[in-house]
N, C-alpha and C. Protein backbone atom coordinates (compact mmCIF):
# COMPACT_ATOMS: atom_id res chain seq x y z
N MET A 1 67.79 125.95 124.56
CA MET A 1 68.22 126.91 123.55
C MET A 1 69.13 126.20 122.54
N ILE A 2 69.06 126.62 121.32
CA ILE A 2 69.86 126.02 120.25
C ILE A 2 71.28 126.55 120.36
N GLU A 3 72.24 125.64 120.47
CA GLU A 3 73.65 126.03 120.60
C GLU A 3 74.38 125.98 119.25
N ASN A 4 73.90 125.17 118.33
CA ASN A 4 74.52 125.04 117.02
C ASN A 4 74.25 126.32 116.22
N LYS A 5 75.33 127.09 115.95
CA LYS A 5 75.17 128.41 115.32
C LYS A 5 74.49 128.37 113.95
N PRO A 6 74.90 127.48 113.05
CA PRO A 6 74.19 127.44 111.75
C PRO A 6 72.71 127.08 111.91
N LEU A 7 72.41 126.12 112.76
CA LEU A 7 71.02 125.72 112.97
C LEU A 7 70.23 126.86 113.61
N LYS A 8 70.82 127.54 114.57
CA LYS A 8 70.17 128.68 115.22
C LYS A 8 69.86 129.77 114.20
N THR A 9 70.81 130.06 113.33
CA THR A 9 70.62 131.07 112.29
C THR A 9 69.47 130.69 111.37
N ILE A 10 69.46 129.45 110.93
CA ILE A 10 68.45 128.98 109.99
C ILE A 10 67.06 128.94 110.63
N VAL A 11 66.99 128.46 111.86
CA VAL A 11 65.69 128.40 112.55
C VAL A 11 65.13 129.80 112.77
N TRP A 12 65.94 130.73 113.29
CA TRP A 12 65.48 132.09 113.51
C TRP A 12 65.11 132.77 112.20
N GLY A 13 65.92 132.57 111.18
CA GLY A 13 65.62 133.16 109.87
C GLY A 13 64.30 132.66 109.33
N GLY A 14 64.08 131.36 109.40
CA GLY A 14 62.83 130.78 108.91
C GLY A 14 61.62 131.27 109.69
N LEU A 15 61.75 131.35 111.01
CA LEU A 15 60.64 131.79 111.85
C LEU A 15 60.31 133.26 111.63
N ILE A 16 61.33 134.10 111.63
CA ILE A 16 61.08 135.54 111.50
C ILE A 16 60.61 135.89 110.10
N ALA A 17 61.33 135.42 109.09
CA ALA A 17 60.93 135.72 107.71
C ALA A 17 59.57 135.10 107.39
N GLY A 18 59.34 133.88 107.86
CA GLY A 18 58.05 133.24 107.63
C GLY A 18 56.90 134.02 108.25
N THR A 19 57.12 134.52 109.46
CA THR A 19 56.08 135.29 110.15
C THR A 19 55.83 136.62 109.45
N LEU A 20 56.91 137.31 109.08
CA LEU A 20 56.75 138.59 108.39
C LEU A 20 56.05 138.41 107.05
N ASP A 21 56.46 137.40 106.29
CA ASP A 21 55.87 137.18 104.97
C ASP A 21 54.40 136.78 105.07
N LEU A 22 54.09 135.88 105.99
CA LEU A 22 52.70 135.45 106.15
C LEU A 22 51.82 136.62 106.59
N THR A 23 52.34 137.44 107.49
CA THR A 23 51.61 138.63 107.93
C THR A 23 51.40 139.59 106.76
N GLY A 24 52.47 139.84 106.00
CA GLY A 24 52.36 140.73 104.84
C GLY A 24 51.36 140.22 103.83
N ALA A 25 51.39 138.93 103.56
CA ALA A 25 50.46 138.35 102.59
C ALA A 25 49.01 138.45 103.09
N CYS A 26 48.80 138.19 104.36
CA CYS A 26 47.45 138.27 104.92
C CYS A 26 46.92 139.70 104.90
N VAL A 27 47.76 140.64 105.31
CA VAL A 27 47.33 142.05 105.32
C VAL A 27 47.03 142.52 103.90
N ALA A 28 47.93 142.24 102.96
CA ALA A 28 47.73 142.68 101.58
C ALA A 28 46.49 142.04 100.97
N SER A 29 46.27 140.76 101.22
CA SER A 29 45.10 140.07 100.67
C SER A 29 43.81 140.63 101.26
N TRP A 30 43.85 140.93 102.54
CA TRP A 30 42.66 141.49 103.19
C TRP A 30 42.34 142.88 102.64
N LEU A 31 43.37 143.71 102.55
CA LEU A 31 43.15 145.08 102.09
C LEU A 31 42.75 145.14 100.62
N ARG A 32 43.35 144.30 99.79
CA ARG A 32 43.08 144.35 98.35
C ARG A 32 41.77 143.69 97.96
N ALA A 33 41.42 142.57 98.64
CA ALA A 33 40.25 141.81 98.17
C ALA A 33 39.38 141.25 99.29
N GLY A 34 39.66 141.61 100.54
CA GLY A 34 38.86 141.08 101.65
C GLY A 34 39.06 139.60 101.89
N VAL A 35 40.20 139.05 101.45
CA VAL A 35 40.49 137.63 101.61
C VAL A 35 40.91 137.37 103.06
N PRO A 36 40.22 136.45 103.75
CA PRO A 36 40.58 136.18 105.15
C PRO A 36 41.90 135.39 105.25
N PRO A 37 42.58 135.50 106.39
CA PRO A 37 43.87 134.81 106.57
C PRO A 37 43.82 133.30 106.31
N ALA A 38 42.75 132.64 106.72
CA ALA A 38 42.66 131.19 106.50
C ALA A 38 42.73 130.86 105.01
N ARG A 39 42.12 131.68 104.20
CA ARG A 39 42.13 131.46 102.74
C ARG A 39 43.54 131.64 102.18
N VAL A 40 44.28 132.62 102.73
CA VAL A 40 45.68 132.81 102.31
C VAL A 40 46.48 131.56 102.64
N MET A 41 46.27 131.03 103.82
CA MET A 41 47.02 129.83 104.24
C MET A 41 46.61 128.62 103.39
N GLN A 42 45.32 128.53 103.05
CA GLN A 42 44.88 127.45 102.17
C GLN A 42 45.49 127.59 100.78
N SER A 43 45.74 128.83 100.35
CA SER A 43 46.38 129.05 99.06
C SER A 43 47.79 128.43 99.05
N VAL A 44 48.49 128.54 100.16
CA VAL A 44 49.81 127.93 100.25
C VAL A 44 49.67 126.41 100.12
N ALA A 45 48.72 125.84 100.85
CA ALA A 45 48.50 124.39 100.79
C ALA A 45 48.04 123.94 99.42
N SER A 46 47.43 124.84 98.65
CA SER A 46 46.95 124.45 97.32
C SER A 46 48.10 124.11 96.38
N GLY A 47 49.29 124.55 96.69
CA GLY A 47 50.45 124.15 95.89
C GLY A 47 50.67 122.65 95.95
N LEU A 48 50.26 122.06 97.06
CA LEU A 48 50.39 120.61 97.25
C LEU A 48 49.08 119.88 96.94
N LEU A 49 47.96 120.47 97.34
CA LEU A 49 46.67 119.79 97.26
C LEU A 49 45.78 120.23 96.10
N GLY A 50 46.15 121.32 95.45
CA GLY A 50 45.30 121.85 94.38
C GLY A 50 44.03 122.48 94.93
N GLN A 51 43.00 122.52 94.13
CA GLN A 51 41.73 123.15 94.48
C GLN A 51 41.13 122.58 95.75
N ALA A 52 41.38 121.31 96.06
CA ALA A 52 40.83 120.66 97.25
C ALA A 52 41.26 121.37 98.54
N SER A 53 42.33 122.09 98.48
CA SER A 53 42.82 122.81 99.66
C SER A 53 41.77 123.77 100.21
N TYR A 54 40.99 124.38 99.33
CA TYR A 54 40.01 125.38 99.74
C TYR A 54 38.77 124.76 100.38
N GLU A 55 38.67 123.45 100.33
CA GLU A 55 37.53 122.76 100.93
C GLU A 55 37.90 122.06 102.23
N GLY A 56 39.15 122.19 102.66
CA GLY A 56 39.63 121.45 103.82
C GLY A 56 39.56 122.18 105.13
N GLY A 57 39.03 123.39 105.13
CA GLY A 57 38.86 124.13 106.38
C GLY A 57 40.16 124.41 107.10
N SER A 58 40.08 124.31 108.42
CA SER A 58 41.25 124.66 109.25
C SER A 58 42.41 123.68 109.07
N LYS A 59 42.12 122.45 108.68
CA LYS A 59 43.20 121.48 108.48
C LYS A 59 44.12 121.89 107.32
N THR A 60 43.53 122.31 106.21
CA THR A 60 44.38 122.71 105.09
C THR A 60 45.01 124.08 105.34
N ALA A 61 44.33 124.92 106.12
CA ALA A 61 44.95 126.20 106.50
C ALA A 61 46.19 125.93 107.36
N ALA A 62 46.07 125.00 108.31
CA ALA A 62 47.22 124.64 109.16
C ALA A 62 48.34 124.03 108.33
N LEU A 63 47.99 123.20 107.37
CA LEU A 63 49.00 122.64 106.47
C LEU A 63 49.71 123.75 105.71
N GLY A 64 48.95 124.76 105.28
CA GLY A 64 49.53 125.89 104.58
C GLY A 64 50.54 126.63 105.45
N VAL A 65 50.23 126.80 106.72
CA VAL A 65 51.16 127.47 107.64
C VAL A 65 52.44 126.65 107.77
N VAL A 66 52.31 125.35 107.96
CA VAL A 66 53.50 124.48 108.08
C VAL A 66 54.33 124.56 106.81
N LEU A 67 53.69 124.45 105.66
CA LEU A 67 54.41 124.53 104.38
C LEU A 67 55.09 125.89 104.21
N HIS A 68 54.39 126.94 104.62
CA HIS A 68 54.94 128.28 104.50
C HIS A 68 56.22 128.43 105.31
N TYR A 69 56.20 127.98 106.56
CA TYR A 69 57.41 128.07 107.39
C TYR A 69 58.52 127.16 106.88
N PHE A 70 58.14 126.02 106.34
CA PHE A 70 59.14 125.13 105.73
C PHE A 70 59.84 125.84 104.56
N ILE A 71 59.05 126.47 103.71
CA ILE A 71 59.61 127.19 102.55
C ILE A 71 60.51 128.33 103.01
N ALA A 72 60.07 129.10 104.00
CA ALA A 72 60.89 130.21 104.52
C ALA A 72 62.20 129.68 105.10
N THR A 73 62.14 128.53 105.74
CA THR A 73 63.35 127.93 106.31
C THR A 73 64.28 127.43 105.21
N VAL A 74 63.73 126.89 104.15
CA VAL A 74 64.56 126.47 103.01
C VAL A 74 65.27 127.68 102.41
N TRP A 75 64.53 128.78 102.21
CA TRP A 75 65.16 129.99 101.65
C TRP A 75 66.24 130.54 102.58
N THR A 76 66.02 130.43 103.89
CA THR A 76 67.06 130.85 104.84
C THR A 76 68.28 129.95 104.72
N THR A 77 68.06 128.67 104.59
CA THR A 77 69.16 127.72 104.45
C THR A 77 69.98 128.01 103.19
N VAL A 78 69.30 128.28 102.10
CA VAL A 78 69.99 128.59 100.84
C VAL A 78 70.86 129.82 101.00
N PHE A 79 70.30 130.89 101.58
CA PHE A 79 71.07 132.12 101.76
C PHE A 79 72.24 131.88 102.72
N TYR A 80 71.98 131.18 103.81
CA TYR A 80 73.05 130.90 104.78
C TYR A 80 74.19 130.15 104.11
N LEU A 81 73.88 129.09 103.39
CA LEU A 81 74.93 128.29 102.75
C LEU A 81 75.67 129.11 101.70
N ALA A 82 74.96 129.91 100.94
CA ALA A 82 75.62 130.78 99.95
C ALA A 82 76.54 131.78 100.63
N SER A 83 76.11 132.28 101.79
CA SER A 83 76.92 133.29 102.49
C SER A 83 78.21 132.72 103.07
N ARG A 84 78.30 131.42 103.18
CA ARG A 84 79.54 130.80 103.67
C ARG A 84 80.64 130.90 102.60
N LYS A 85 80.25 130.91 101.35
CA LYS A 85 81.21 131.00 100.24
C LYS A 85 81.31 132.42 99.68
N LEU A 86 80.19 133.12 99.67
CA LEU A 86 80.11 134.47 99.10
C LEU A 86 79.98 135.47 100.24
N ARG A 87 81.08 135.78 100.88
CA ARG A 87 81.07 136.59 102.10
C ARG A 87 80.49 137.99 101.88
N TRP A 88 80.48 138.47 100.63
CA TRP A 88 79.91 139.78 100.37
C TRP A 88 78.41 139.82 100.64
N LEU A 89 77.76 138.67 100.72
CA LEU A 89 76.34 138.63 101.07
C LEU A 89 76.10 139.15 102.49
N VAL A 90 77.03 138.87 103.40
CA VAL A 90 76.88 139.35 104.78
C VAL A 90 77.56 140.70 104.99
N ASP A 91 78.43 141.08 104.07
CA ASP A 91 79.07 142.40 104.18
C ASP A 91 78.10 143.52 103.79
N ARG A 92 77.18 143.23 102.89
CA ARG A 92 76.18 144.22 102.43
C ARG A 92 74.78 143.58 102.49
N PRO A 93 74.30 143.35 103.70
CA PRO A 93 73.05 142.59 103.84
C PRO A 93 71.80 143.28 103.29
N VAL A 94 71.74 144.59 103.34
CA VAL A 94 70.55 145.28 102.84
C VAL A 94 70.46 145.12 101.32
N THR A 95 71.55 145.44 100.65
CA THR A 95 71.57 145.32 99.18
C THR A 95 71.28 143.90 98.74
N TRP A 96 72.03 142.94 99.29
CA TRP A 96 71.91 141.56 98.84
C TRP A 96 70.65 140.88 99.36
N GLY A 97 70.14 141.35 100.49
CA GLY A 97 68.86 140.82 100.97
C GLY A 97 67.73 141.20 100.04
N LEU A 98 67.73 142.46 99.59
CA LEU A 98 66.68 142.90 98.66
C LEU A 98 66.82 142.20 97.31
N VAL A 99 68.04 142.03 96.84
CA VAL A 99 68.27 141.28 95.59
C VAL A 99 67.81 139.83 95.76
N TYR A 100 68.13 139.26 96.92
CA TYR A 100 67.70 137.88 97.20
C TYR A 100 66.18 137.78 97.18
N GLY A 101 65.50 138.79 97.70
CA GLY A 101 64.05 138.81 97.65
C GLY A 101 63.52 138.76 96.22
N VAL A 102 64.16 139.48 95.32
CA VAL A 102 63.76 139.45 93.90
C VAL A 102 63.97 138.04 93.34
N ILE A 103 65.08 137.42 93.69
CA ILE A 103 65.37 136.06 93.21
C ILE A 103 64.33 135.07 93.75
N VAL A 104 64.03 135.17 95.04
CA VAL A 104 63.03 134.28 95.65
C VAL A 104 61.67 134.48 94.97
N TYR A 105 61.28 135.73 94.78
CA TYR A 105 60.00 136.02 94.13
C TYR A 105 59.94 135.40 92.73
N ALA A 106 60.97 135.63 91.96
CA ALA A 106 61.00 135.10 90.59
C ALA A 106 60.94 133.57 90.59
N PHE A 107 61.72 132.94 91.44
CA PHE A 107 61.76 131.48 91.47
C PHE A 107 60.40 130.91 91.92
N MET A 108 59.83 131.48 92.95
CA MET A 108 58.55 130.97 93.46
C MET A 108 57.42 131.17 92.44
N ASN A 109 57.39 132.33 91.79
CA ASN A 109 56.28 132.65 90.89
C ASN A 109 56.41 132.09 89.49
N PHE A 110 57.65 131.91 89.03
CA PHE A 110 57.83 131.49 87.64
C PHE A 110 58.38 130.08 87.49
N VAL A 111 58.76 129.44 88.61
CA VAL A 111 59.21 128.05 88.58
C VAL A 111 58.33 127.18 89.48
N VAL A 112 58.29 127.50 90.77
CA VAL A 112 57.58 126.64 91.73
C VAL A 112 56.08 126.62 91.47
N LEU A 113 55.44 127.79 91.42
CA LEU A 113 53.98 127.80 91.23
C LEU A 113 53.53 127.09 89.96
N PRO A 114 54.17 127.34 88.80
CA PRO A 114 53.72 126.62 87.61
C PRO A 114 53.90 125.10 87.70
N LEU A 115 54.86 124.64 88.48
CA LEU A 115 55.10 123.21 88.62
C LEU A 115 54.27 122.57 89.73
N SER A 116 53.62 123.39 90.54
CA SER A 116 52.84 122.88 91.67
C SER A 116 51.41 122.60 91.24
N ALA A 117 50.61 122.16 92.22
CA ALA A 117 49.18 121.90 91.97
C ALA A 117 48.34 123.16 92.17
N PHE A 118 48.98 124.30 92.41
CA PHE A 118 48.27 125.56 92.62
C PHE A 118 47.33 125.80 91.45
N PRO A 119 46.04 126.04 91.76
CA PRO A 119 45.07 126.24 90.67
C PRO A 119 45.43 127.48 89.84
N GLN A 120 45.65 127.26 88.58
CA GLN A 120 46.03 128.38 87.70
C GLN A 120 44.83 129.29 87.48
N ARG A 121 45.05 130.55 87.72
CA ARG A 121 44.03 131.56 87.51
C ARG A 121 44.55 132.53 86.46
N THR A 122 43.78 133.56 86.22
CA THR A 122 44.28 134.58 85.31
C THR A 122 45.53 135.20 85.93
N PRO A 123 46.48 135.59 85.12
CA PRO A 123 47.71 136.18 85.67
C PRO A 123 47.39 137.41 86.52
N PRO A 124 48.13 137.58 87.62
CA PRO A 124 47.87 138.74 88.48
C PRO A 124 48.14 140.05 87.74
N ARG A 125 47.43 141.08 88.16
CA ARG A 125 47.67 142.40 87.59
C ARG A 125 49.04 142.88 88.04
N LEU A 126 49.53 143.88 87.32
CA LEU A 126 50.85 144.44 87.64
C LEU A 126 50.92 144.92 89.08
N SER A 127 49.87 145.56 89.57
CA SER A 127 49.88 146.05 90.95
C SER A 127 50.03 144.89 91.94
N GLY A 128 49.38 143.77 91.65
CA GLY A 128 49.51 142.59 92.51
C GLY A 128 50.92 142.02 92.48
N ARG A 129 51.51 142.01 91.29
CA ARG A 129 52.90 141.54 91.16
C ARG A 129 53.85 142.43 91.97
N ILE A 130 53.66 143.75 91.85
CA ILE A 130 54.54 144.69 92.55
C ILE A 130 54.39 144.52 94.06
N ILE A 131 53.16 144.42 94.54
CA ILE A 131 52.94 144.23 95.98
C ILE A 131 53.56 142.92 96.44
N GLY A 132 53.36 141.86 95.69
CA GLY A 132 53.97 140.56 96.04
C GLY A 132 55.48 140.63 96.06
N LEU A 133 56.05 141.28 95.08
CA LEU A 133 57.50 141.42 95.01
C LEU A 133 58.03 142.20 96.22
N LEU A 134 57.38 143.30 96.55
CA LEU A 134 57.82 144.10 97.69
C LEU A 134 57.71 143.33 99.00
N ILE A 135 56.64 142.56 99.15
CA ILE A 135 56.49 141.75 100.37
C ILE A 135 57.64 140.75 100.47
N ILE A 136 57.95 140.07 99.40
CA ILE A 136 59.04 139.08 99.43
C ILE A 136 60.39 139.76 99.66
N MET A 137 60.61 140.90 99.03
CA MET A 137 61.88 141.60 99.22
C MET A 137 62.08 142.03 100.67
N PHE A 138 61.03 142.63 101.26
CA PHE A 138 61.17 143.20 102.61
C PHE A 138 60.80 142.24 103.73
N CYS A 139 60.09 141.17 103.44
CA CYS A 139 59.68 140.24 104.49
C CYS A 139 60.39 138.89 104.42
N ILE A 140 61.05 138.61 103.31
CA ILE A 140 61.84 137.36 103.18
C ILE A 140 63.31 137.70 102.97
N GLY A 141 63.63 138.34 101.86
CA GLY A 141 65.04 138.58 101.52
C GLY A 141 65.79 139.41 102.55
N LEU A 142 65.25 140.56 102.89
CA LEU A 142 65.93 141.46 103.83
C LEU A 142 66.08 140.86 105.23
N PRO A 143 65.02 140.34 105.84
CA PRO A 143 65.21 139.77 107.18
C PRO A 143 66.17 138.58 107.19
N ILE A 144 66.09 137.74 106.18
CA ILE A 144 67.01 136.59 106.14
C ILE A 144 68.44 137.08 106.09
N SER A 145 68.73 138.04 105.23
CA SER A 145 70.11 138.52 105.12
C SER A 145 70.58 139.19 106.41
N LEU A 146 69.71 139.95 107.06
CA LEU A 146 70.10 140.60 108.31
C LEU A 146 70.31 139.59 109.44
N ILE A 147 69.49 138.57 109.49
CA ILE A 147 69.65 137.53 110.51
C ILE A 147 70.92 136.74 110.27
N VAL A 148 71.17 136.37 109.03
CA VAL A 148 72.41 135.64 108.71
C VAL A 148 73.62 136.50 109.07
N ARG A 149 73.57 137.77 108.75
CA ARG A 149 74.68 138.66 109.11
C ARG A 149 74.86 138.72 110.62
N ARG A 150 73.76 138.90 111.34
CA ARG A 150 73.85 139.02 112.81
C ARG A 150 74.50 137.79 113.42
N PHE A 151 74.06 136.62 113.02
CA PHE A 151 74.63 135.41 113.60
C PHE A 151 76.02 135.11 113.04
N SER A 152 76.34 135.65 111.88
CA SER A 152 77.68 135.45 111.30
C SER A 152 78.71 136.31 112.03
N LYS A 153 78.27 137.43 112.59
CA LYS A 153 79.19 138.37 113.25
C LYS A 153 79.42 138.00 114.72
N GLN A 154 78.54 137.17 115.29
CA GLN A 154 78.72 136.79 116.69
C GLN A 154 79.93 135.88 116.84
N THR A 155 80.60 136.01 117.96
CA THR A 155 81.77 135.15 118.21
C THR A 155 81.40 133.98 119.05
């Protein structure tokens, strides 16, 4: 078991938020367009590999999963470190977790994706943007803030 409290917080945050977000993305993609989970995972890997990601089968899908959990863990680390200085982040985790989700969504969609090898397609429709935003708010921002709060309150 992990005894280091900051590391434990970050690992649990990355695992839980990563799992919730990946599940949300897979369910939403399936319901909206019949996109299978492997294709969603390949989409994550396409940020690194570009269009070739979709031709790599299970290997690029697995890479997408690893990258996805890495990204979720980075976002957990950022929130955790910020919460060490900005204690109000853990005092009001629901409010600031949802706000953090908006920040993560904006940064990933308007900074990271344009700078990555992700194949540029037509811009998503407003409904797709709203669904994506809600998934990130409730599956990344909120769980990360609640996990950081929980481990911050333990003695």
